[in-house]
Amino acid sequence: SFGSRVHDDDIRSIAGGGDYARVLERVYPGLANVEELLQEPEHGLPKLELQIQQRLAQQVGVVFSGYPFHIGLPLALAVLTELELQDLTVLIEAKSVRMPAEKFLPYLLMNPAESAAVL
């Protein structure tokens, strides 16, 4: 259950101008270079967003392998559909301009390694 990692104190801290890098690192352990990415928000925030979305895609996959009778399953399906639509958009746009796979594969959210094998 991912939502249980976000506490009221985290929301208050961010709303009050606190150190949101520390909150991100606590809520999403293992994110790479959070401080560095936040130093240059124009370029860093999109990269940070991509990391968080890829983490979400991994967590959605876990829901499908567990007990099937809970509210998380239909919610995960809705999130999975959105993530797949984002990946399809990336693929369509990249292929329309004949972009090499190594340039767009890092932007895929759902199993980029498996997508490389298909291409």
PDB file of N, CA and C in Angstrom:
ATOM      1  N   SER A   1       0.835  -1.178   0.000  1.00  0.00           N
ATOM      2  CA  SER A   1       0.000   0.000   0.000  1.00  0.00           C
ATOM      3  C   SER A   1       0.876   1.235   0.000  1.00  0.00           C
ATOM      4  N   PHE A   2       0.944   1.871  -1.139  1.00  0.00           N
ATOM      5  CA  PHE A   2       1.833   3.001  -1.309  1.00  0.00           C
ATOM      6  C   PHE A   2       1.353   4.237  -0.548  1.00  0.00           C
ATOM      7  N   GLY A   3       0.048   4.472  -0.518  1.00  0.00           N
ATOM      8  CA  GLY A   3      -0.491   5.667   0.098  1.00  0.00           C
ATOM      9  C   GLY A   3      -0.123   5.827   1.556  1.00  0.00           C
ATOM     10  N   SER A   4       0.122   4.731   2.250  1.00  0.00           N
ATOM     11  CA  SER A   4       0.442   4.820   3.670  1.00  0.00           C
ATOM     12  C   SER A   4       1.807   5.449   3.910  1.00  0.00           C
ATOM     13  N   ARG A   5       2.625   5.618   2.894  1.00  0.00           N
ATOM     14  CA  ARG A   5       3.934   6.257   3.051  1.00  0.00           C
ATOM     15  C   ARG A   5       3.833   7.776   3.113  1.00  0.00           C
ATOM     16  N   VAL A   6       2.740   8.341   2.635  1.00  0.00           N
ATOM     17  CA  VAL A   6       2.548   9.786   2.640  1.00  0.00           C
ATOM     18  C   VAL A   6       1.794  10.156   3.906  1.00  0.00           C
ATOM     19  N   HIS A   7       2.445  10.912   4.759  1.00  0.00           N
ATOM     20  CA  HIS A   7       1.855  11.291   6.034  1.00  0.00           C
ATOM     21  C   HIS A   7       1.415  12.754   6.006  1.00  0.00           C
ATOM     22  N   ASP A   8       0.537  13.097   6.915  1.00  0.00           N
ATOM     23  CA  ASP A   8       0.073  14.485   7.017  1.00  0.00           C
ATOM     24  C   ASP A   8       1.244  15.446   7.214  1.00  0.00           C
ATOM     25  N   ASP A   9       2.244  15.019   7.975  1.00  0.00           N
ATOM     26  CA  ASP A   9       3.412  15.874   8.203  1.00  0.00           C
ATOM     27  C   ASP A   9       4.141  16.195   6.901  1.00  0.00           C
ATOM     28  N   ASP A  10       4.167  15.239   5.986  1.00  0.00           N
ATOM     29  CA  ASP A  10       4.805  15.470   4.686  1.00  0.00           C
ATOM     30  C   ASP A  10       4.072  16.559   3.920  1.00  0.00           C
ATOM     31  N   ILE A  11       2.767  16.461   3.888  1.00  0.00           N
ATOM     32  CA  ILE A  11       1.955  17.447   3.167  1.00  0.00           C
ATOM     33  C   ILE A  11       2.106  18.824   3.799  1.00  0.00           C
ATOM     34  N   ARG A  12       2.084  18.869   5.124  1.00  0.00           N
ATOM     35  CA  ARG A  12       2.263  20.157   5.825  1.00  0.00           C
ATOM     36  C   ARG A  12       3.648  20.737   5.557  1.00  0.00           C
ATOM     37  N   SER A  13       4.650  19.882   5.541  1.00  0.00           N
ATOM     38  CA  SER A  13       6.020  20.339   5.299  1.00  0.00           C
ATOM     39  C   SER A  13       6.152  20.966   3.923  1.00  0.00           C
ATOM     40  N   ILE A  14       5.627  20.305   2.919  1.00  0.00           N
ATOM     41  CA  ILE A  14       5.708  20.837   1.559  1.00  0.00           C
ATOM     42  C   ILE A  14       4.897  22.118   1.439  1.00  0.00           C
ATOM     43  N   ALA A  15       3.691  22.130   2.008  1.00  0.00           N
ATOM     44  CA  ALA A  15       2.833  23.320   1.938  1.00  0.00           C
ATOM     45  C   ALA A  15       3.478  24.506   2.655  1.00  0.00           C
ATOM     46  N   GLY A  16       4.253  24.217   3.706  1.00  0.00           N
ATOM     47  CA  GLY A  16       4.906  25.277   4.466  1.00  0.00           C
ATOM     48  C   GLY A  16       6.260  25.676   3.923  1.00  0.00           C
ATOM     49  N   GLY A  17       6.638  25.153   2.754  1.00  0.00           N
ATOM     50  CA  GLY A  17       7.913  25.526   2.150  1.00  0.00           C
ATOM     51  C   GLY A  17       9.078  24.716   2.680  1.00  0.00           C
ATOM     52  N   GLY A  18       8.805  23.560   3.253  1.00  0.00           N
ATOM     53  CA  GLY A  18       9.857  22.700   3.803  1.00  0.00           C
ATOM     54  C   GLY A  18      10.715  22.056   2.725  1.00  0.00           C
ATOM     55  N   ASP A  19      11.588  21.196   3.154  1.00  0.00           N
ATOM     56  CA  ASP A  19      12.529  20.527   2.260  1.00  0.00           C
ATOM     57  C   ASP A  19      11.824  19.385   1.539  1.00  0.00           C
ATOM     58  N   TYR A  20      11.276  19.676   0.373  1.00  0.00           N
ATOM     59  CA  TYR A  20      10.509  18.665  -0.342  1.00  0.00           C
ATOM     60  C   TYR A  20      11.395  17.586  -0.947  1.00  0.00           C
ATOM     61  N   ALA A  21      12.685  17.853  -1.100  1.00  0.00           N
ATOM     62  CA  ALA A  21      13.598  16.810  -1.573  1.00  0.00           C
ATOM     63  C   ALA A  21      13.659  15.672  -0.559  1.00  0.00           C
ATOM     64  N   ARG A  22      13.695  16.017   0.722  1.00  0.00           N
ATOM     65  CA  ARG A  22      13.730  14.990   1.780  1.00  0.00           C
ATOM     66  C   ARG A  22      12.423  14.203   1.806  1.00  0.00           C
ATOM     67  N   VAL A  23      11.309  14.884   1.596  1.00  0.00           N
ATOM     68  CA  VAL A  23      10.015  14.204   1.570  1.00  0.00           C
ATOM     69  C   VAL A  23       9.972  13.231   0.396  1.00  0.00           C
ATOM     70  N   LEU A  24      10.410  13.677  -0.773  1.00  0.00           N
ATOM     71  CA  LEU A  24      10.439  12.800  -1.948  1.00  0.00           C
ATOM     72  C   LEU A  24      11.320  11.575  -1.706  1.00  0.00           C
ATOM     73  N   GLU A  25      12.465  11.783  -1.103  1.00  0.00           N
ATOM     74  CA  GLU A  25      13.372  10.667  -0.839  1.00  0.00           C
ATOM     75  C   GLU A  25      12.770   9.684   0.164  1.00  0.00           C
ATOM     76  N   ARG A  26      11.961  10.179   1.098  1.00  0.00           N
ATOM     77  CA  ARG A  26      11.337   9.296   2.071  1.00  0.00           C
ATOM     78  C   ARG A  26      10.157   8.546   1.457  1.00  0.00           C
ATOM     79  N   VAL A  27       9.346   9.252   0.690  1.00  0.00           N
ATOM     80  CA  VAL A  27       8.165   8.647   0.087  1.00  0.00           C
ATOM     81  C   VAL A  27       8.553   7.698  -1.048  1.00  0.00           C
ATOM     82  N   TYR A  28       9.558   8.060  -1.813  1.00  0.00           N
ATOM     83  CA  TYR A  28      10.033   7.244  -2.932  1.00  0.00           C
ATOM     84  C   TYR A  28      11.494   6.853  -2.674  1.00  0.00           C
ATOM     85  N   PRO A  29      11.740   5.919  -1.789  1.00  0.00           N
ATOM     86  CA  PRO A  29      13.136   5.552  -1.500  1.00  0.00           C
ATOM     87  C   PRO A  29      13.822   4.991  -2.749  1.00  0.00           C
ATOM     88  N   GLY A  30      15.072   5.380  -2.914  1.00  0.00           N
ATOM     89  CA  GLY A  30      15.844   4.861  -4.038  1.00  0.00           C
ATOM     90  C   GLY A  30      15.798   5.713  -5.297  1.00  0.00           C
ATOM     91  N   LEU A  31      15.105   6.845  -5.271  1.00  0.00           N
ATOM     92  CA  LEU A  31      15.140   7.724  -6.442  1.00  0.00           C
ATOM     93  C   LEU A  31      16.563   8.237  -6.627  1.00  0.00           C
ATOM     94  N   ALA A  32      17.001   8.312  -7.857  1.00  0.00           N
ATOM     95  CA  ALA A  32      18.368   8.732  -8.149  1.00  0.00           C
ATOM     96  C   ALA A  32      18.473  10.248  -8.267  1.00  0.00           C
ATOM     97  N   ASN A  33      19.464  10.818  -7.619  1.00  0.00           N
ATOM     98  CA  ASN A  33      19.867  12.223  -7.796  1.00  0.00           C
ATOM     99  C   ASN A  33      18.759  13.244  -7.541  1.00  0.00           C
ATOM    100  N   VAL A  34      17.954  13.064  -6.512  1.00  0.00           N
ATOM    101  CA  VAL A  34      16.844  13.987  -6.258  1.00  0.00           C
ATOM    102  C   VAL A  34      17.364  15.408  -6.056  1.00  0.00           C
ATOM    103  N   GLU A  35      18.343  15.578  -5.188  1.00  0.00           N
ATOM    104  CA  GLU A  35      18.886  16.920  -4.924  1.00  0.00           C
ATOM    105  C   GLU A  35      19.419  17.559  -6.202  1.00  0.00           C
ATOM    106  N   GLU A  36      20.168  16.783  -6.967  1.00  0.00           N
ATOM    107  CA  GLU A  36      20.764  17.290  -8.208  1.00  0.00           C
ATOM    108  C   GLU A  36      19.691  17.679  -9.215  1.00  0.00           C
ATOM    109  N   LEU A  37      18.668  16.857  -9.353  1.00  0.00           N
ATOM    110  CA  LEU A  37      17.604  17.147 -10.309  1.00  0.00           C
ATOM    111  C   LEU A  37      16.815  18.389  -9.913  1.00  0.00           C
ATOM    112  N   LEU A  38      16.677  18.634  -8.621  1.00  0.00           N
ATOM    113  CA  LEU A  38      15.926  19.801  -8.165  1.00  0.00           C
ATOM    114  C   LEU A  38      16.744  21.091  -8.237  1.00  0.00           C
ATOM    115  N   GLN A  39      18.059  20.966  -8.414  1.00  0.00           N
ATOM    116  CA  GLN A  39      18.910  22.157  -8.556  1.00  0.00           C
ATOM    117  C   GLN A  39      18.578  22.925  -9.831  1.00  0.00           C
ATOM    118  N   GLU A  40      18.248  22.172 -10.877  1.00  0.00           N
ATOM    119  CA  GLU A  40      17.935  22.764 -12.177  1.00  0.00           C
ATOM    120  C   GLU A  40      16.536  22.298 -12.583  1.00  0.00           C
ATOM    121  N   PRO A  41      15.491  22.917 -12.008  1.00  0.00           N
ATOM    122  CA  PRO A  41      14.127  22.405 -12.178  1.00  0.00           C
ATOM    123  C   PRO A  41      13.651  22.292 -13.622  1.00  0.00           C
ATOM    124  N   GLU A  42      14.088  23.177 -14.494  1.00  0.00           N
ATOM    125  CA  GLU A  42      13.607  23.150 -15.873  1.00  0.00           C
ATOM    126  C   GLU A  42      13.921  21.822 -16.558  1.00  0.00           C
ATOM    127  N   HIS A  43      15.085  21.277 -16.292  1.00  0.00           N
ATOM    128  CA  HIS A  43      15.478  20.004 -16.895  1.00  0.00           C
ATOM    129  C   HIS A  43      15.334  18.845 -15.916  1.00  0.00           C
ATOM    130  N   GLY A  44      15.496  19.124 -14.635  1.00  0.00           N
ATOM    131  CA  GLY A  44      15.478  18.074 -13.625  1.00  0.00           C
ATOM    132  C   GLY A  44      14.100  17.559 -13.281  1.00  0.00           C
ATOM    133  N   LEU A  45      13.103  18.444 -13.225  1.00  0.00           N
ATOM    134  CA  LEU A  45      11.755  18.004 -12.854  1.00  0.00           C
ATOM    135  C   LEU A  45      11.166  16.990 -13.834  1.00  0.00           C
ATOM    136  N   PRO A  46      11.320  17.176 -15.152  1.00  0.00           N
ATOM    137  CA  PRO A  46      10.820  16.133 -16.063  1.00  0.00           C
ATOM    138  C   PRO A  46      11.506  14.782 -15.835  1.00  0.00           C
ATOM    139  N   LYS A  47      12.799  14.789 -15.532  1.00  0.00           N
ATOM    140  CA  LYS A  47      13.516  13.537 -15.266  1.00  0.00           C
ATOM    141  C   LYS A  47      13.032  12.904 -13.966  1.00  0.00           C
ATOM    142  N   LEU A  48      12.790  13.734 -12.968  1.00  0.00           N
ATOM    143  CA  LEU A  48      12.282  13.240 -11.688  1.00  0.00           C
ATOM    144  C   LEU A  48      10.872  12.676 -11.858  1.00  0.00           C
ATOM    145  N   GLU A  49      10.050  13.358 -12.630  1.00  0.00           N
ATOM    146  CA  GLU A  49       8.698  12.871 -12.908  1.00  0.00           C
ATOM    147  C   GLU A  49       8.734  11.515 -13.613  1.00  0.00           C
ATOM    148  N   LEU A  50       9.643  11.359 -14.558  1.00  0.00           N
ATOM    149  CA  LEU A  50       9.787  10.094 -15.273  1.00  0.00           C
ATOM    150  C   LEU A  50      10.173   8.975 -14.310  1.00  0.00           C
ATOM    151  N   GLN A  51      11.105   9.243 -13.399  1.00  0.00           N
ATOM    152  CA  GLN A  51      11.495   8.231 -12.409  1.00  0.00           C
ATOM    153  C   GLN A  51      10.307   7.821 -11.533  1.00  0.00           C
ATOM    154  N   ILE A  52       9.529   8.806 -11.108  1.00  0.00           N
ATOM    155  CA  ILE A  52       8.374   8.524 -10.245  1.00  0.00           C
ATOM    156  C   ILE A  52       7.322   7.732 -11.017  1.00  0.00           C
ATOM    157  N   GLN A  53       7.081   8.081 -12.277  1.00  0.00           N
ATOM    158  CA  GLN A  53       6.113   7.342 -13.081  1.00  0.00           C
ATOM    159  C   GLN A  53       6.577   5.911 -13.329  1.00  0.00           C
ATOM    160  N   GLN A  54       7.869   5.710 -13.553  1.00  0.00           N
ATOM    161  CA  GLN A  54       8.390   4.359 -13.740  1.00  0.00           C
ATOM    162  C   GLN A  54       8.238   3.543 -12.453  1.00  0.00           C
ATOM    163  N   ARG A  55       8.438   4.185 -11.314  1.00  0.00           N
ATOM    164  CA  ARG A  55       8.237   3.506 -10.032  1.00  0.00           C
ATOM    165  C   ARG A  55       6.771   3.125  -9.861  1.00  0.00           C
ATOM    166  N   LEU A  56       5.871   4.018 -10.244  1.00  0.00           N
ATOM    167  CA  LEU A  56       4.438   3.737 -10.179  1.00  0.00           C
ATOM    168  C   LEU A  56       4.081   2.544 -11.059  1.00  0.00           C
ATOM    169  N   ALA A  57       4.665   2.486 -12.248  1.00  0.00           N
ATOM    170  CA  ALA A  57       4.406   1.359 -13.156  1.00  0.00           C
ATOM    171  C   ALA A  57       4.832   0.040 -12.518  1.00  0.00           C
ATOM    172  N   GLN A  58       5.951   0.036 -11.812  1.00  0.00           N
ATOM    173  CA  GLN A  58       6.407  -1.173 -11.123  1.00  0.00           C
ATOM    174  C   GLN A  58       5.424  -1.576 -10.023  1.00  0.00           C
ATOM    175  N   GLN A  59       4.954  -0.595  -9.271  1.00  0.00           N
ATOM    176  CA  GLN A  59       4.035  -0.879  -8.165  1.00  0.00           C
ATOM    177  C   GLN A  59       2.685  -1.374  -8.681  1.00  0.00           C
ATOM    178  N   VAL A  60       2.246  -0.862  -9.811  1.00  0.00           N
ATOM    179  CA  VAL A  60       0.987  -1.315 -10.402  1.00  0.00           C
ATOM    180  C   VAL A  60       1.100  -2.793 -10.768  1.00  0.00           C
ATOM    181  N   GLY A  61       2.233  -3.184 -11.314  1.00  0.00           N
ATOM    182  CA  GLY A  61       2.442  -4.583 -11.678  1.00  0.00           C
ATOM    183  C   GLY A  61       2.341  -5.516 -10.488  1.00  0.00           C
ATOM    184  N   VAL A  62       2.782  -5.083  -9.330  1.00  0.00           N
ATOM    185  CA  VAL A  62       2.729  -5.906  -8.123  1.00  0.00           C
ATOM    186  C   VAL A  62       1.287  -6.182  -7.709  1.00  0.00           C
ATOM    187  N   VAL A  63       0.406  -5.213  -7.905  1.00  0.00           N
ATOM    188  CA  VAL A  63      -0.999  -5.367  -7.515  1.00  0.00           C
ATOM    189  C   VAL A  63      -1.641  -6.539  -8.259  1.00  0.00           C
ATOM    190  N   PHE A  64      -1.272  -6.730  -9.522  1.00  0.00           N
ATOM    191  CA  PHE A  64      -1.884  -7.786 -10.330  1.00  0.00           C
ATOM    192  C   PHE A  64      -1.426  -9.196  -9.934  1.00  0.00           C
ATOM    193  N   SER A  65      -0.354  -9.289  -9.191  1.00  0.00           N
ATOM    194  CA  SER A  65       0.136 -10.609  -8.819  1.00  0.00           C
ATOM    195  C   SER A  65      -0.346 -11.055  -7.439  1.00  0.00           C
ATOM    196  N   GLY A  66      -1.123 -10.221  -6.764  1.00  0.00           N
ATOM    197  CA  GLY A  66      -1.592 -10.556  -5.427  1.00  0.00           C
ATOM    198  C   GLY A  66      -3.049 -10.992  -5.393  1.00  0.00           C
ATOM    199  N   TYR A  67      -3.623 -10.909  -4.228  1.00  0.00           N
ATOM    200  CA  TYR A  67      -5.021 -11.253  -3.984  1.00  0.00           C
ATOM    201  C   TYR A  67      -5.907 -10.408  -4.899  1.00  0.00           C
ATOM    202  N   PRO A  68      -6.828 -11.021  -5.673  1.00  0.00           N
ATOM    203  CA  PRO A  68      -7.558 -10.279  -6.694  1.00  0.00           C
ATOM    204  C   PRO A  68      -8.801  -9.516  -6.223  1.00  0.00           C
ATOM    205  N   PHE A  69      -9.266  -9.734  -5.000  1.00  0.00           N
ATOM    206  CA  PHE A  69     -10.534  -9.144  -4.589  1.00  0.00           C
ATOM    207  C   PHE A  69     -10.318  -7.985  -3.621  1.00  0.00           C
ATOM    208  N   HIS A  70      -9.864  -6.858  -4.160  1.00  0.00           N
ATOM    209  CA  HIS A  70      -9.695  -5.645  -3.366  1.00  0.00           C
ATOM    210  C   HIS A  70      -9.795  -4.437  -4.297  1.00  0.00           C
ATOM    211  N   ILE A  71      -9.973  -3.278  -3.719  1.00  0.00           N
ATOM    212  CA  ILE A  71     -10.183  -2.060  -4.508  1.00  0.00           C
ATOM    213  C   ILE A  71      -8.937  -1.658  -5.293  1.00  0.00           C
ATOM    214  N   GLY A  72      -7.779  -2.134  -4.855  1.00  0.00           N
ATOM    215  CA  GLY A  72      -6.543  -1.787  -5.545  1.00  0.00           C
ATOM    216  C   GLY A  72      -6.485  -2.290  -6.972  1.00  0.00           C
ATOM    217  N   LEU A  73      -7.147  -3.381  -7.256  1.00  0.00           N
ATOM    218  CA  LEU A  73      -7.084  -3.966  -8.594  1.00  0.00           C
ATOM    219  C   LEU A  73      -7.737  -3.069  -9.658  1.00  0.00           C
ATOM    220  N   PRO A  74      -8.983  -2.628  -9.475  1.00  0.00           N
ATOM    221  CA  PRO A  74      -9.542  -1.727 -10.505  1.00  0.00           C
ATOM    222  C   PRO A  74      -8.809  -0.383 -10.569  1.00  0.00           C
ATOM    223  N   LEU A  75      -8.309   0.093  -9.430  1.00  0.00           N
ATOM    224  CA  LEU A  75      -7.542   1.340  -9.450  1.00  0.00           C
ATOM    225  C   LEU A  75      -6.231   1.148 -10.206  1.00  0.00           C
ATOM    226  N   ALA A  76      -5.578   0.014  -9.979  1.00  0.00           N
ATOM    227  CA  ALA A  76      -4.332  -0.280 -10.683  1.00  0.00           C
ATOM    228  C   ALA A  76      -4.587  -0.407 -12.182  1.00  0.00           C
ATOM    229  N   LEU A  77      -5.705  -0.978 -12.561  1.00  0.00           N
ATOM    230  CA  LEU A  77      -6.046  -1.107 -13.978  1.00  0.00           C
ATOM    231  C   LEU A  77      -6.210   0.271 -14.625  1.00  0.00           C
ATOM    232  N   ALA A  78      -6.835   1.194 -13.919  1.00  0.00           N
ATOM    233  CA  ALA A  78      -6.993   2.552 -14.446  1.00  0.00           C
ATOM    234  C   ALA A  78      -5.632   3.235 -14.605  1.00  0.00           C
ATOM    235  N   VAL A  79      -4.761   3.079 -13.623  1.00  0.00           N
ATOM    236  CA  VAL A  79      -3.418   3.668 -13.708  1.00  0.00           C
ATOM    237  C   VAL A  79      -2.626   3.015 -14.832  1.00  0.00           C
ATOM    238  N   LEU A  80      -2.707   1.694 -14.927  1.00  0.00           N
ATOM    239  CA  LEU A  80      -2.001   0.961 -15.974  1.00  0.00           C
ATOM    240  C   LEU A  80      -2.441   1.426 -17.361  1.00  0.00           C
ATOM    241  N   THR A  81      -3.724   1.644 -17.552  1.00  0.00           N
ATOM    242  CA  THR A  81      -4.240   2.122 -18.833  1.00  0.00           C
ATOM    243  C   THR A  81      -3.644   3.480 -19.177  1.00  0.00           C
ATOM    244  N   GLU A  82      -3.578   4.366 -18.206  1.00  0.00           N
ATOM    245  CA  GLU A  82      -2.992   5.694 -18.432  1.00  0.00           C
ATOM    246  C   GLU A  82      -1.510   5.593 -18.786  1.00  0.00           C
ATOM    247  N   LEU A  83      -0.776   4.759 -18.080  1.00  0.00           N
ATOM    248  CA  LEU A  83       0.653   4.598 -18.352  1.00  0.00           C
ATOM    249  C   LEU A  83       0.887   4.001 -19.734  1.00  0.00           C
ATOM    250  N   GLU A  84       0.068   3.048 -20.117  1.00  0.00           N
ATOM    251  CA  GLU A  84       0.196   2.456 -21.445  1.00  0.00           C
ATOM    252  C   GLU A  84      -0.116   3.468 -22.542  1.00  0.00           C
ATOM    253  N   LEU A  85      -1.098   4.334 -22.301  1.00  0.00           N
ATOM    254  CA  LEU A  85      -1.409   5.388 -23.277  1.00  0.00           C
ATOM    255  C   LEU A  85      -0.238   6.348 -23.432  1.00  0.00           C
ATOM    256  N   GLN A  86       0.414   6.673 -22.333  1.00  0.00           N
ATOM    257  CA  GLN A  86       1.591   7.539 -22.410  1.00  0.00           C
ATOM    258  C   GLN A  86       2.700   6.874 -23.225  1.00  0.00           C
ATOM    259  N   ASP A  87       2.919   5.573 -22.989  1.00  0.00           N
ATOM    260  CA  ASP A  87       3.938   4.851 -23.750  1.00  0.00           C
ATOM    261  C   ASP A  87       3.587   4.791 -25.236  1.00  0.00           C
ATOM    262  N   LEU A  88       2.323   4.544 -25.541  1.00  0.00           N
ATOM    263  CA  LEU A  88       1.909   4.514 -26.947  1.00  0.00           C
ATOM    264  C   LEU A  88       2.134   5.860 -27.625  1.00  0.00           C
ATOM    265  N   THR A  89       1.870   6.935 -26.905  1.00  0.00           N
ATOM    266  CA  THR A  89       2.104   8.274 -27.448  1.00  0.00           C
ATOM    267  C   THR A  89       3.582   8.480 -27.745  1.00  0.00           C
ATOM    268  N   VAL A  90       4.445   8.070 -26.812  1.00  0.00           N
ATOM    269  CA  VAL A  90       5.888   8.180 -27.033  1.00  0.00           C
ATOM    270  C   VAL A  90       6.296   7.378 -28.260  1.00  0.00           C
ATOM    271  N   LEU A  91       5.814   6.134 -28.358  1.00  0.00           N
ATOM    272  CA  LEU A  91       6.177   5.279 -29.488  1.00  0.00           C
ATOM    273  C   LEU A  91       5.704   5.846 -30.822  1.00  0.00           C
ATOM    274  N   ILE A  92       4.465   6.295 -30.882  1.00  0.00           N
ATOM    275  CA  ILE A  92       3.917   6.837 -32.128  1.00  0.00           C
ATOM    276  C   ILE A  92       4.684   8.080 -32.567  1.00  0.00           C
ATOM    277  N   GLU A  93       4.937   8.982 -31.615  1.00  0.00           N
ATOM    278  CA  GLU A  93       5.654  10.206 -31.973  1.00  0.00           C
ATOM    279  C   GLU A  93       7.089   9.904 -32.386  1.00  0.00           C
ATOM    280  N   ALA A  94       7.751   8.992 -31.667  1.00  0.00           N
ATOM    281  CA  ALA A  94       9.137   8.648 -31.998  1.00  0.00           C
ATOM    282  C   ALA A  94       9.233   7.975 -33.361  1.00  0.00           C
ATOM    283  N   LYS A  95       8.336   7.053 -33.627  1.00  0.00           N
ATOM    284  CA  LYS A  95       8.371   6.354 -34.910  1.00  0.00           C
ATOM    285  C   LYS A  95       8.004   7.280 -36.067  1.00  0.00           C
ATOM    286  N   SER A  96       7.126   8.241 -35.825  1.00  0.00           N
ATOM    287  CA  SER A  96       6.719   9.154 -36.900  1.00  0.00           C
ATOM    288  C   SER A  96       7.864  10.044 -37.366  1.00  0.00           C
ATOM    289  N   VAL A  97       8.819  10.304 -36.487  1.00  0.00           N
ATOM    290  CA  VAL A  97       9.982  11.118 -36.877  1.00  0.00           C
ATOM    291  C   VAL A  97      11.229  10.259 -37.050  1.00  0.00           C
ATOM    292  N   ARG A  98      11.027   8.929 -37.067  1.00  0.00           N
ATOM    293  CA  ARG A  98      12.116   7.963 -37.265  1.00  0.00           C
ATOM    294  C   ARG A  98      13.248   8.141 -36.251  1.00  0.00           C
ATOM    295  N   MET A  99      12.854   8.349 -35.006  1.00  0.00           N
ATOM    296  CA  MET A  99      13.835   8.518 -33.931  1.00  0.00           C
ATOM    297  C   MET A  99      14.463   7.163 -33.594  1.00  0.00           C
ATOM    298  N   PRO A 100      15.766   7.118 -33.416  1.00  0.00           N
ATOM    299  CA  PRO A 100      16.405   5.852 -33.034  1.00  0.00           C
ATOM    300  C   PRO A 100      15.912   5.389 -31.658  1.00  0.00           C
ATOM    301  N   ALA A 101      15.808   4.077 -31.505  1.00  0.00           N
ATOM    302  CA  ALA A 101      15.258   3.496 -30.274  1.00  0.00           C
ATOM    303  C   ALA A 101      15.998   3.960 -29.032  1.00  0.00           C
ATOM    304  N   GLU A 102      17.313   4.085 -29.100  1.00  0.00           N
ATOM    305  CA  GLU A 102      18.069   4.466 -27.893  1.00  0.00           C
ATOM    306  C   GLU A 102      17.714   5.857 -27.382  1.00  0.00           C
ATOM    307  N   LYS A 103      17.110   6.674 -28.233  1.00  0.00           N
ATOM    308  CA  LYS A 103      16.714   8.018 -27.791  1.00  0.00           C
ATOM    309  C   LYS A 103      15.368   8.028 -27.074  1.00  0.00           C
ATOM    310  N   PHE A 104      14.432   7.160 -27.469  1.00  0.00           N
ATOM    311  CA  PHE A 104      13.113   7.217 -26.842  1.00  0.00           C
ATOM    312  C   PHE A 104      12.865   6.122 -25.810  1.00  0.00           C
ATOM    313  N   LEU A 105      13.626   5.048 -25.834  1.00  0.00           N
ATOM    314  CA  LEU A 105      13.410   3.959 -24.870  1.00  0.00           C
ATOM    315  C   LEU A 105      13.481   4.406 -23.408  1.00  0.00           C
ATOM    316  N   PRO A 106      14.374   5.329 -23.036  1.00  0.00           N
ATOM    317  CA  PRO A 106      14.402   5.751 -21.630  1.00  0.00           C
ATOM    318  C   PRO A 106      13.117   6.447 -21.165  1.00  0.00           C
ATOM    319  N   TYR A 107      12.291   6.879 -22.100  1.00  0.00           N
ATOM    320  CA  TYR A 107      11.056   7.576 -21.746  1.00  0.00           C
ATOM    321  C   TYR A 107       9.844   6.657 -21.641  1.00  0.00           C
ATOM    322  N   LEU A 108      10.025   5.385 -21.923  1.00  0.00           N
ATOM    323  CA  LEU A 108       8.926   4.441 -21.779  1.00  0.00           C
ATOM    324  C   LEU A 108       8.757   4.085 -20.308  1.00  0.00           C
ATOM    325  N   LEU A 109       7.528   3.986 -19.872  1.00  0.00           N
ATOM    326  CA  LEU A 109       7.225   3.731 -18.467  1.00  0.00           C
ATOM    327  C   LEU A 109       7.075   2.253 -18.157  1.00  0.00           C
ATOM    328  N   MET A 110       6.551   1.503 -19.095  1.00  0.00           N
ATOM    329  CA  MET A 110       6.249   0.094 -18.862  1.00  0.00           C
ATOM    330  C   MET A 110       7.358  -0.791 -19.423  1.00  0.00           C
ATOM    331  N   ASN A 111       8.193  -1.344 -18.566  1.00  0.00           N
ATOM    332  CA  ASN A 111       9.241  -2.295 -18.937  1.00  0.00           C
ATOM    333  C   ASN A 111      10.052  -1.865 -20.156  1.00  0.00           C
ATOM    334  N   PRO A 112      10.846  -0.808 -20.043  1.00  0.00           N
ATOM    335  CA  PRO A 112      11.637  -0.364 -21.194  1.00  0.00           C
ATOM    336  C   PRO A 112      12.552  -1.455 -21.745  1.00  0.00           C
ATOM    337  N   ALA A 113      13.071  -2.344 -20.905  1.00  0.00           N
ATOM    338  CA  ALA A 113      13.967  -3.414 -21.380  1.00  0.00           C
ATOM    339  C   ALA A 113      13.209  -4.379 -22.298  1.00  0.00           C
ATOM    340  N   GLU A 114      11.973  -4.716 -21.925  1.00  0.00           N
ATOM    341  CA  GLU A 114      11.168  -5.603 -22.761  1.00  0.00           C
ATOM    342  C   GLU A 114      10.776  -4.917 -24.060  1.00  0.00           C
ATOM    343  N   SER A 115      10.529  -3.610 -24.011  1.00  0.00           N
ATOM    344  CA  SER A 115      10.166  -2.869 -25.223  1.00  0.00           C
ATOM    345  C   SER A 115      11.324  -2.874 -26.214  1.00  0.00           C
ATOM    346  N   ALA A 116      12.554  -2.812 -25.737  1.00  0.00           N
ATOM    347  CA  ALA A 116      13.716  -2.817 -26.617  1.00  0.00           C
ATOM    348  C   ALA A 116      13.812  -4.145 -27.362  1.00  0.00           C
ATOM    349  N   ALA A 117      13.457  -5.229 -26.696  1.00  0.00           N
ATOM    350  CA  ALA A 117      13.511  -6.542 -27.328  1.00  0.00           C
ATOM    351  C   ALA A 117      12.481  -6.662 -28.451  1.00  0.00           C
ATOM    352  N   VAL A 118      11.326  -6.021 -28.289  1.00  0.00           N
ATOM    353  CA  VAL A 118      10.263  -6.069 -29.296  1.00  0.00           C
ATOM    354  C   VAL A 118      10.664  -5.265 -30.524  1.00  0.00           C
ATOM    355  N   LEU A 119      11.330  -4.135 -30.312  1.00  0.00           N
ATOM    356  CA  LEU A 119      11.702  -3.260 -31.436  1.00  0.00           C
ATOM    357  C   LEU A 119      12.863  -3.859 -32.159  1.00  0.00           C
TER     358      LEU A 119
END
